[in-house]
C-alpha atoms as a PDB file:
ATOM      1  CA  MET A   1      48.772  36.676 127.291  1.00  0.00           C
ATOM      2  CA  THR A   2      51.674  34.445 126.256  1.00  0.00           C
ATOM      3  CA  PRO A   3      51.171  31.517 123.849  1.00  0.00           C
ATOM      4  CA  LEU A   4      51.516  29.097 126.782  1.00  0.00           C
ATOM      5  CA  GLU A   5      48.916  30.968 128.831  1.00  0.00           C
ATOM      6  CA  LYS A   6      46.570  30.945 125.849  1.00  0.00           C
ATOM      7  CA  SER A   7      47.030  27.184 125.389  1.00  0.00           C
ATOM      8  CA  VAL A   8      46.239  26.599 129.060  1.00  0.00           C
ATOM      9  CA  ALA A   9      43.166  28.826 128.847  1.00  0.00           C
ATOM     10  CA  ASP A  10      41.940  27.102 125.695  1.00  0.00           C
ATOM     11  CA  LEU A  11      41.994  23.731 127.481  1.00  0.00           C
ATOM     12  CA  ALA A  12      40.333  24.958 130.699  1.00  0.00           C
ATOM     13  CA  PRO A  13      39.004  23.896 133.092  1.00  0.00           C
ATOM     14  CA  TRP A  14      41.874  21.854 134.560  1.00  0.00           C
ATOM     15  CA  PHE A  15      41.495  19.457 137.500  1.00  0.00           C
ATOM     16  CA  HIS A  16      45.251  19.083 137.996  1.00  0.00           C
ATOM     17  CA  ASN A  17      47.100  22.204 139.078  1.00  0.00           C
ATOM     18  CA  ILE A  18      50.459  21.775 137.345  1.00  0.00           C
ATOM     19  CA  ASP A  19      53.299  24.285 137.476  1.00  0.00           C
ATOM     20  CA  LEU A  20      54.374  24.668 133.851  1.00  0.00           C
ATOM     21  CA  GLY A  21      57.083  27.194 134.655  1.00  0.00           C
ATOM     22  CA  HIS A  22      57.249  30.797 133.417  1.00  0.00           C
ATOM     23  CA  GLY A  23      54.780  31.650 136.182  1.00  0.00           C
ATOM     24  CA  VAL A  24      52.020  29.557 134.593  1.00  0.00           C
ATOM     25  CA  LEU A  25      49.829  27.331 136.785  1.00  0.00           C
ATOM     26  CA  THR A  26      47.037  25.319 135.199  1.00  0.00           C
ATOM     27  CA  ALA A  27      44.521  25.548 138.090  1.00  0.00           C
ATOM     28  CA  PRO A  28      45.772  28.136 140.605  1.00  0.00           C
ATOM     29  CA  ASP A  29      42.293  28.577 142.119  1.00  0.00           C
ATOM     30  CA  HIS A  30      41.601  24.854 142.606  1.00  0.00           C
ATOM     31  CA  PHE A  31      39.004  24.249 145.328  1.00  0.00           C
ATOM     32  CA  LEU A  32      41.320  21.640 146.888  1.00  0.00           C
ATOM     33  CA  GLY A  33      44.318  23.944 146.942  1.00  0.00           C
ATOM     34  CA  ASP A  34      47.533  22.947 145.177  1.00  0.00           C
ATOM     35  CA  TYR A  35      46.030  19.687 143.983  1.00  0.00           C
ATOM     36  CA  PRO A  36      47.271  17.044 143.464  1.00  0.00           C
ATOM     37  CA  ARG A  37      50.777  18.155 144.467  1.00  0.00           C
ATOM     38  CA  GLN A  38      49.811  18.639 148.124  1.00  0.00           C
ATOM     39  CA  LYS A  39      48.227  15.180 148.230  1.00  0.00           C
ATOM     40  CA  PHE A  40      51.184  13.552 146.496  1.00  0.00           C
ATOM     41  CA  ALA A  41      53.559  15.066 149.050  1.00  0.00           C
ATOM     42  CA  ARG A  42      51.809  13.055 151.784  1.00  0.00           C
ATOM     43  CA  PHE A  43      52.523   9.655 150.235  1.00  0.00           C
ATOM     44  CA  SER A  44      55.285  10.159 147.645  1.00  0.00           C
ATOM     45  CA  HIS A  45      57.814   8.563 150.017  1.00  0.00           C
ATOM     46  CA  ALA A  46      56.050   5.205 149.628  1.00  0.00           C
ATOM     47  CA  LEU A  47      57.029   4.937 145.973  1.00  0.00           C
ATOM     48  CA  PRO A  48      60.543   4.097 144.741  1.00  0.00           C
ATOM     49  CA  THR A  49      62.470   7.312 144.189  1.00  0.00           C
ATOM     50  CA  ASP A  50      64.483   5.716 141.376  1.00  0.00           C
ATOM     51  CA  LEU A  51      62.406   4.189 138.569  1.00  0.00           C
ATOM     52  CA  THR A  52      65.270   3.945 136.108  1.00  0.00           C
ATOM     53  CA  GLY A  53      64.452   1.382 133.447  1.00  0.00           C
ATOM     54  CA  LYS A  54      60.914   0.822 134.774  1.00  0.00           C
ATOM     55  CA  SER A  55      57.619   1.055 132.903  1.00  0.00           C
ATOM     56  CA  VAL A  56      54.606   2.902 134.335  1.00  0.00           C
ATOM     57  CA  LEU A  57      50.918   2.903 133.395  1.00  0.00           C
ATOM     58  CA  ASP A  58      48.732   5.747 134.695  1.00  0.00           C
ATOM     59  CA  ILE A  59      45.061   4.730 134.444  1.00  0.00           C
ATOM     60  CA  GLY A  60      42.726   7.719 134.420  1.00  0.00           C
ATOM     61  CA  CYS A  61      45.701  10.036 133.960  1.00  0.00           C
ATOM     62  CA  ASN A  62      43.675  13.266 133.747  1.00  0.00           C
ATOM     63  CA  ALA A  63      46.146  16.103 132.989  1.00  0.00           C
ATOM     64  CA  GLY A  64      49.163  13.866 133.533  1.00  0.00           C
ATOM     65  CA  PHE A  65      50.434  14.974 136.953  1.00  0.00           C
ATOM     66  CA  TYR A  66      51.365  11.475 138.145  1.00  0.00           C
ATOM     67  CA  ALA A  67      52.680  10.377 134.751  1.00  0.00           C
ATOM     68  CA  ILE A  68      55.022  13.363 134.758  1.00  0.00           C
ATOM     69  CA  GLU A  69      56.126  12.690 138.350  1.00  0.00           C
ATOM     70  CA  MET A  70      57.025   9.104 137.434  1.00  0.00           C
ATOM     71  CA  LYS A  71      59.060  10.353 134.485  1.00  0.00           C
ATOM     72  CA  ARG A  72      60.858  12.717 136.851  1.00  0.00           C
ATOM     73  CA  ARG A  73      61.846   9.647 138.862  1.00  0.00           C
ATOM     74  CA  GLY A  74      63.536   8.194 135.810  1.00  0.00           C
ATOM     75  CA  ALA A  75      60.922   5.812 134.427  1.00  0.00           C
ATOM     76  CA  ALA A  76      61.947   4.628 130.977  1.00  0.00           C
ATOM     77  CA  ARG A  77      58.423   4.253 129.599  1.00  0.00           C
ATOM     78  CA  VAL A  78      55.283   5.998 130.853  1.00  0.00           C
ATOM     79  CA  VAL A  79      51.822   5.519 129.362  1.00  0.00           C
ATOM     80  CA  GLY A  80      48.757   7.457 130.473  1.00  0.00           C
ATOM     81  CA  ILE A  81      45.215   6.496 129.521  1.00  0.00           C
ATOM     82  CA  ASP A  82      41.926   8.342 129.884  1.00  0.00           C
ATOM     83  CA  THR A  83      38.598   8.532 128.077  1.00  0.00           C
ATOM     84  CA  ASP A  84      38.392  12.335 128.021  1.00  0.00           C
ATOM     85  CA  ASP A  85      40.143  13.878 125.019  1.00  0.00           C
ATOM     86  CA  ARG A  86      40.409  17.257 126.747  1.00  0.00           C
ATOM     87  CA  TYR A  87      42.280  15.710 129.667  1.00  0.00           C
ATOM     88  CA  LEU A  88      44.579  13.944 127.212  1.00  0.00           C
ATOM     89  CA  ALA A  89      45.243  17.226 125.386  1.00  0.00           C
ATOM     90  CA  GLN A  90      46.040  18.855 128.737  1.00  0.00           C
ATOM     91  CA  ALA A  91      48.420  16.017 129.596  1.00  0.00           C
ATOM     92  CA  ARG A  92      50.228  16.283 126.262  1.00  0.00           C
ATOM     93  CA  LEU A  93      50.623  20.036 126.662  1.00  0.00           C
ATOM     94  CA  ALA A  94      51.947  19.719 130.218  1.00  0.00           C
ATOM     95  CA  SER A  95      54.340  16.909 129.300  1.00  0.00           C
ATOM     96  CA  ARG A  96      55.758  18.734 126.280  1.00  0.00           C
ATOM     97  CA  THR A  97      56.131  21.979 128.202  1.00  0.00           C
ATOM     98  CA  LEU A  98      57.978  20.281 131.066  1.00  0.00           C
ATOM     99  CA  GLY A  99      60.346  18.408 128.755  1.00  0.00           C
ATOM    100  CA  PHE A 100      58.769  14.959 128.707  1.00  0.00           C
ATOM    101  CA  PRO A 101      57.377  14.645 125.152  1.00  0.00           C
ATOM    102  CA  ASP A 102      57.956  10.891 125.131  1.00  0.00           C
ATOM    103  CA  ILE A 103      55.149  10.176 127.621  1.00  0.00           C
ATOM    104  CA  GLU A 104      52.521   8.314 125.608  1.00  0.00           C
ATOM    105  CA  TYR A 105      48.854   9.190 126.078  1.00  0.00           C
ATOM    106  CA  ARG A 106      45.979   7.113 124.722  1.00  0.00           C
ATOM    107  CA  ASN A 107      42.195   7.311 124.787  1.00  0.00           C
ATOM    108  CA  LEU A 108      41.386   4.011 126.442  1.00  0.00           C
ATOM    109  CA  SER A 109      38.892   2.797 129.038  1.00  0.00           C
ATOM    110  CA  THR A 110      39.890   1.021 132.223  1.00  0.00           C
ATOM    111  CA  TYR A 111      37.840  -1.931 131.000  1.00  0.00           C
ATOM    112  CA  ASP A 112      39.952  -2.130 127.835  1.00  0.00           C
ATOM    113  CA  VAL A 113      43.433  -2.247 129.383  1.00  0.00           C
ATOM    114  CA  ALA A 114      44.032  -5.654 127.805  1.00  0.00           C
ATOM    115  CA  ALA A 115      44.362  -3.813 124.463  1.00  0.00           C
ATOM    116  CA  LEU A 116      47.685  -2.417 125.684  1.00  0.00           C
ATOM    117  CA  GLY A 117      49.122  -5.906 125.354  1.00  0.00           C
ATOM    118  CA  GLU A 118      51.797  -5.486 128.022  1.00  0.00           C
ATOM    119  CA  LYS A 119      52.416  -5.472 131.753  1.00  0.00           C
ATOM    120  CA  PHE A 120      53.945  -2.557 133.614  1.00  0.00           C
ATOM    121  CA  ASP A 121      56.306  -2.409 136.579  1.00  0.00           C
ATOM    122  CA  VAL A 122      54.166   0.275 138.231  1.00  0.00           C
ATOM    123  CA  THR A 123      50.442   0.767 137.667  1.00  0.00           C
ATOM    124  CA  ILE A 124      48.780   3.920 138.964  1.00  0.00           C
ATOM    125  CA  PHE A 125      45.034   3.714 139.631  1.00  0.00           C
ATOM    126  CA  MET A 126      44.278   6.956 141.445  1.00  0.00           C
ATOM    127  CA  GLY A 127      40.852   8.559 141.715  1.00  0.00           C
ATOM    128  CA  VAL A 128      39.143   6.262 139.222  1.00  0.00           C
ATOM    129  CA  LEU A 129      37.404   3.390 141.000  1.00  0.00           C
ATOM    130  CA  TYR A 130      34.514   5.451 142.367  1.00  0.00           C
ATOM    131  CA  HIS A 131      33.709   6.681 138.845  1.00  0.00           C
ATOM    132  CA  LEU A 132      33.220   3.132 137.508  1.00  0.00           C
ATOM    133  CA  ARG A 133      29.968   1.208 137.364  1.00  0.00           C
ATOM    134  CA  HIS A 134      31.879  -2.075 137.711  1.00  0.00           C
ATOM    135  CA  PRO A 135      34.742  -1.431 140.143  1.00  0.00           C
ATOM    136  CA  LEU A 136      35.722  -4.986 141.063  1.00  0.00           C
ATOM    137  CA  LEU A 137      35.752  -5.989 137.402  1.00  0.00           C
ATOM    138  CA  ALA A 138      38.145  -3.099 136.755  1.00  0.00           C
ATOM    139  CA  LEU A 139      40.508  -4.290 139.483  1.00  0.00           C
ATOM    140  CA  ASP A 140      40.339  -7.851 138.128  1.00  0.00           C
ATOM    141  CA  LEU A 141      41.217  -6.660 134.622  1.00  0.00           C
ATOM    142  CA  ILE A 142      44.105  -4.545 135.892  1.00  0.00           C
ATOM    143  CA  ARG A 143      45.495  -7.489 137.878  1.00  0.00           C
ATOM    144  CA  GLU A 144      45.063  -9.872 134.959  1.00  0.00           C
ATOM    145  CA  HIS A 145      46.369  -7.777 132.083  1.00  0.00           C
ATOM    146  CA  VAL A 146      48.597  -4.821 133.036  1.00  0.00           C
ATOM    147  CA  ALA A 147      49.837  -4.925 136.646  1.00  0.00           C
ATOM    148  CA  GLY A 148      53.252  -6.520 136.601  1.00  0.00           C
ATOM    149  CA  ASP A 149      54.415  -5.624 140.101  1.00  0.00           C
ATOM    150  CA  LEU A 150      53.372  -2.485 142.019  1.00  0.00           C
ATOM    151  CA  LEU A 151      49.927  -0.873 142.135  1.00  0.00           C
ATOM    152  CA  LEU A 152      49.410   2.649 143.512  1.00  0.00           C
ATOM    153  CA  PHE A 153      45.707   2.832 144.381  1.00  0.00           C
ATOM    154  CA  GLN A 154      43.450   5.578 145.669  1.00  0.00           C
ATOM    155  CA  THR A 155      39.711   5.917 145.930  1.00  0.00           C
ATOM    156  CA  MET A 156      37.272   8.208 147.702  1.00  0.00           C
ATOM    157  CA  GLN A 157      36.346   6.510 150.989  1.00  0.00           C
ATOM    158  CA  ARG A 158      33.394   7.224 153.226  1.00  0.00           C
ATOM    159  CA  GLY A 159      32.196   5.595 156.427  1.00  0.00           C
ATOM    160  CA  SER A 160      34.223   4.003 159.185  1.00  0.00           C
ATOM    161  CA  ASP A 161      38.016   3.793 159.149  1.00  0.00           C
ATOM    162  CA  VAL A 162      37.815   0.722 161.397  1.00  0.00           C
ATOM    163  CA  VAL A 163      38.617  -2.686 159.868  1.00  0.00           C
ATOM    164  CA  ALA A 164      36.694  -5.558 161.462  1.00  0.00           C
ATOM    165  CA  ASP A 165      38.081  -9.066 161.892  1.00  0.00           C
ATOM    166  CA  VAL A 166      35.792 -10.703 159.365  1.00  0.00           C
ATOM    167  CA  PRO A 167      35.307 -14.499 159.495  1.00  0.00           C
ATOM    168  CA  ALA A 168      36.395 -16.589 156.533  1.00  0.00           C
ATOM    169  CA  ASP A 169      32.851 -17.951 156.233  1.00  0.00           C
ATOM    170  CA  HIS A 170      29.470 -16.611 157.300  1.00  0.00           C
ATOM    171  CA  PRO A 171      26.700 -18.922 158.550  1.00  0.00           C
ATOM    172  CA  PHE A 172      23.345 -18.290 156.928  1.00  0.00           C
ATOM    173  CA  HIS A 173      21.656 -18.388 160.322  1.00  0.00           C
ATOM    174  CA  ILE A 174      23.000 -18.364 163.874  1.00  0.00           C
ATOM    175  CA  ASP A 175      22.414 -21.434 166.042  1.00  0.00           C
ATOM    176  CA  GLY A 176      19.699 -22.780 163.766  1.00  0.00           C
ATOM    177  CA  THR A 177      17.544 -19.681 164.203  1.00  0.00           C
ATOM    178  CA  TYR A 178      16.558 -17.064 161.658  1.00  0.00           C
ATOM    179  CA  THR A 179      18.903 -14.544 163.266  1.00  0.00           C
ATOM    180  CA  VAL A 180      21.356 -13.048 160.800  1.00  0.00           C
ATOM    181  CA  SER A 181      24.969 -12.605 161.864  1.00  0.00           C
ATOM    182  CA  PRO A 182      25.454  -9.171 163.483  1.00  0.00           C
ATOM    183  CA  ILE A 183      28.800  -8.823 161.668  1.00  0.00           C
ATOM    184  CA  PHE A 184      26.943  -7.070 158.851  1.00  0.00           C
ATOM    185  CA  ASP A 185      26.056  -4.242 161.232  1.00  0.00           C
ATOM    186  CA  ASP A 186      29.678  -3.786 162.312  1.00  0.00           C
ATOM    187  CA  PRO A 187      30.991  -0.383 161.068  1.00  0.00           C
ATOM    188  CA  GLY A 188      34.245  -2.130 160.162  1.00  0.00           C
ATOM    189  CA  TYR A 189      32.628  -4.685 157.870  1.00  0.00           C
ATOM    190  CA  PRO A 190      33.679  -4.145 154.215  1.00  0.00           C
ATOM    191  CA  ARG A 191      31.141  -1.860 152.541  1.00  0.00           C
ATOM    192  CA  LEU A 192      30.773  -0.323 149.115  1.00  0.00           C
ATOM    193  CA  HIS A 193      28.256   2.509 149.415  1.00  0.00           C
ATOM    194  CA  PHE A 194      26.251   2.988 146.222  1.00  0.00           C
ATOM    195  CA  ILE A 195      25.560   6.551 145.097  1.00  0.00           C
ATOM    196  CA  GLU A 196      22.375   6.381 143.064  1.00  0.00           C
ATOM    197  CA  ARG A 197      22.291   9.978 141.840  1.00  0.00           C
ATOM    198  CA  GLU A 198      25.002  12.591 142.351  1.00  0.00           C
ATOM    199  CA  TYR A 199      27.797  13.220 144.819  1.00  0.00           C
ATOM    200  CA  ALA A 200      29.340  16.700 144.901  1.00  0.00           C
ATOM    201  CA  HIS A 201      27.223  17.578 141.845  1.00  0.00           C
ATOM    202  CA  ASP A 202      28.911  14.792 139.872  1.00  0.00           C
ATOM    203  CA  TRP A 203      26.750  12.010 138.451  1.00  0.00           C
ATOM    204  CA  THR A 204      29.857   9.907 137.657  1.00  0.00           C
ATOM    205  CA  ASN A 205      30.525   9.300 141.367  1.00  0.00           C
ATOM    206  CA  TRP A 206      29.021   5.829 141.762  1.00  0.00           C
ATOM    207  CA  TRP A 207      30.715   4.279 144.803  1.00  0.00           C
ATOM    208  CA  ALA A 208      32.258   5.164 148.157  1.00  0.00           C
ATOM    209  CA  PRO A 209      33.811   2.200 149.984  1.00  0.00           C
ATOM    210  CA  ASN A 210      34.811   2.328 153.609  1.00  0.00           C
ATOM    211  CA  ARG A 211      38.414   1.501 154.433  1.00  0.00           C
ATOM    212  CA  ALA A 212      37.621  -2.174 155.007  1.00  0.00           C
ATOM    213  CA  GLY A 213      35.845  -2.280 151.657  1.00  0.00           C
ATOM    214  CA  SER A 214      38.814  -0.865 149.753  1.00  0.00           C
ATOM    215  CA  GLU A 215      41.210  -3.301 151.371  1.00  0.00           C
ATOM    216  CA  ALA A 216      38.938  -6.304 150.847  1.00  0.00           C
ATOM    217  CA  MET A 217      38.447  -5.483 147.156  1.00  0.00           C
ATOM    218  CA  LEU A 218      42.182  -5.132 146.607  1.00  0.00           C
ATOM    219  CA  ARG A 219      42.785  -8.530 148.199  1.00  0.00           C
ATOM    220  CA  ALA A 220      39.937 -10.107 146.249  1.00  0.00           C
ATOM    221  CA  ALA A 221      41.426  -8.884 142.979  1.00  0.00           C
ATOM    222  CA  GLY A 222      44.817 -10.403 143.799  1.00  0.00           C
ATOM    223  CA  PHE A 223      46.851  -7.607 145.362  1.00  0.00           C
ATOM    224  CA  GLU A 224      48.855  -7.646 148.585  1.00  0.00           C
ATOM    225  CA  ILE A 225      48.740  -4.363 150.502  1.00  0.00           C
ATOM    226  CA  GLU A 226      52.280  -3.313 151.380  1.00  0.00           C
ATOM    227  CA  ALA A 227      51.699   0.215 152.644  1.00  0.00           C
ATOM    228  CA  HIS A 228      48.881   2.587 153.580  1.00  0.00           C
ATOM    229  CA  PRO A 229      50.758   5.899 153.553  1.00  0.00           C
ATOM    230  CA  GLU A 230      47.723   8.176 153.323  1.00  0.00           C
ATOM    231  CA  ALA A 231      44.084   7.785 154.361  1.00  0.00           C
ATOM    232  CA  GLU A 232      42.797   6.776 150.918  1.00  0.00           C
ATOM    233  CA  VAL A 233      46.057   5.614 149.310  1.00  0.00           C
ATOM    234  CA  TYR A 234      47.492   2.093 149.165  1.00  0.00           C
ATOM    235  CA  LEU A 235      50.702   0.727 147.715  1.00  0.00           C
ATOM    236  CA  CYS A 236      50.129  -2.858 146.663  1.00  0.00           C
ATOM    237  CA  ARG A 237      52.050  -5.643 145.024  1.00  0.00           C
ATOM    238  CA  VAL A 238      50.708  -8.273 142.683  1.00  0.00           C
ATOM    239  CA  ALA A 239      50.143 -11.376 144.786  1.00  0.00           C
ATOM    240  CA  PRO A 240      51.598 -14.736 143.780  1.00  0.00           C
ATOM    241  CA  VAL A 241      49.301 -17.358 142.307  1.00  0.00           C
ATOM    242  CA  PRO A 242      47.658 -19.103 144.050  1.00  0.00           C
ATOM    243  CA  TYR A 243      46.881 -16.090 146.210  1.00  0.00           C
ATOM    244  CA  GLY A 244      46.670 -18.005 149.486  1.00  0.00           C
ATOM    245  CA  GLN A 245      44.155 -19.193 152.021  1.00  0.00           C
ATOM    246  CA  PHE A 246      41.008 -17.341 152.927  1.00  0.00           C
ATOM    247  CA  GLY A 247      41.197 -15.276 156.084  1.00  0.00           C
ATOM    248  CA  PRO A 248      41.351 -11.732 157.455  1.00  0.00           C
ATOM    249  CA  SER A 249      44.832 -11.068 156.030  1.00  0.00           C
ATOM    250  CA  ALA A 250      44.694 -13.351 152.997  1.00  0.00           C
ATOM    251  CA  VAL A 251      44.692 -12.429 149.354  1.00  0.00           C
ATOM    252  CA  TYR A 252      42.279 -14.645 147.508  1.00  0.00           C
ATOM    253  CA  PRO A 253      41.073 -15.203 143.962  1.00  0.00           C
ATOM    254  CA  ALA A 254      37.992 -13.523 142.583  1.00  0.00           C
ATOM    255  CA  LYS A 255      34.848 -15.650 142.772  1.00  0.00           C
ATOM    256  CA  GLU A 256      34.505 -15.323 139.035  1.00  0.00           C
ATOM    257  CA  PRO A 257      37.553 -14.956 136.773  1.00  0.00           C
ATOM    258  CA  PRO A 258      37.878 -11.870 134.560  1.00  0.00           C
ATOM    259  CA  ARG A 259      36.587 -12.211 131.016  1.00  0.00           C
END
């Protein structure tokens, strides 16, 4: 066993399968295949290929796959944050091995992004939202404190892929009766399914929005959706302030400002 192979083994298990060269893969038997490289290949075209001079924040960076990919595209400054020290150690090892020792990794919660004290040209928020007890708050904080322009967003989605034409306002009753609007039974109405116990043997999986739910939450937090290159992936841009009028395609302010 080479020193690199031993280092990889000492930090196992890995969730990101990263090719470190010298025939060393960090998770060659990943249950999702060559993950996340295979997934990234399906939407990588949506991101700028040249990030020269740009800054990137990777929230929930895990072993650093996306942080490294952004550095490969020429980003001048890349910061990855996570709350798992083992993931951060994996990310530092992978970055050093692949020639990107200047990627900065910090132990920091999504809820504490304001502590970074800066805004980034590209913010990556992949595979994190469904692990958070307070997902809309997280999006509000990202919009308020760190997202300077682009947001790459992904979350686990379940339920319908249909997006209903939701009215800007909902009457409490229909025609003066006690009948509730049937829009709430529409499969395309924005939903955030709550997972009370475990999902896939993981107690940190709290939420599973449908597609309409993901898109509505992004708009509510102040992001304009520019592209939907993969089923669960969105490329967004920070919306101007004020965000605009309420409506099916509007981006509107949160009902309660971030604290």
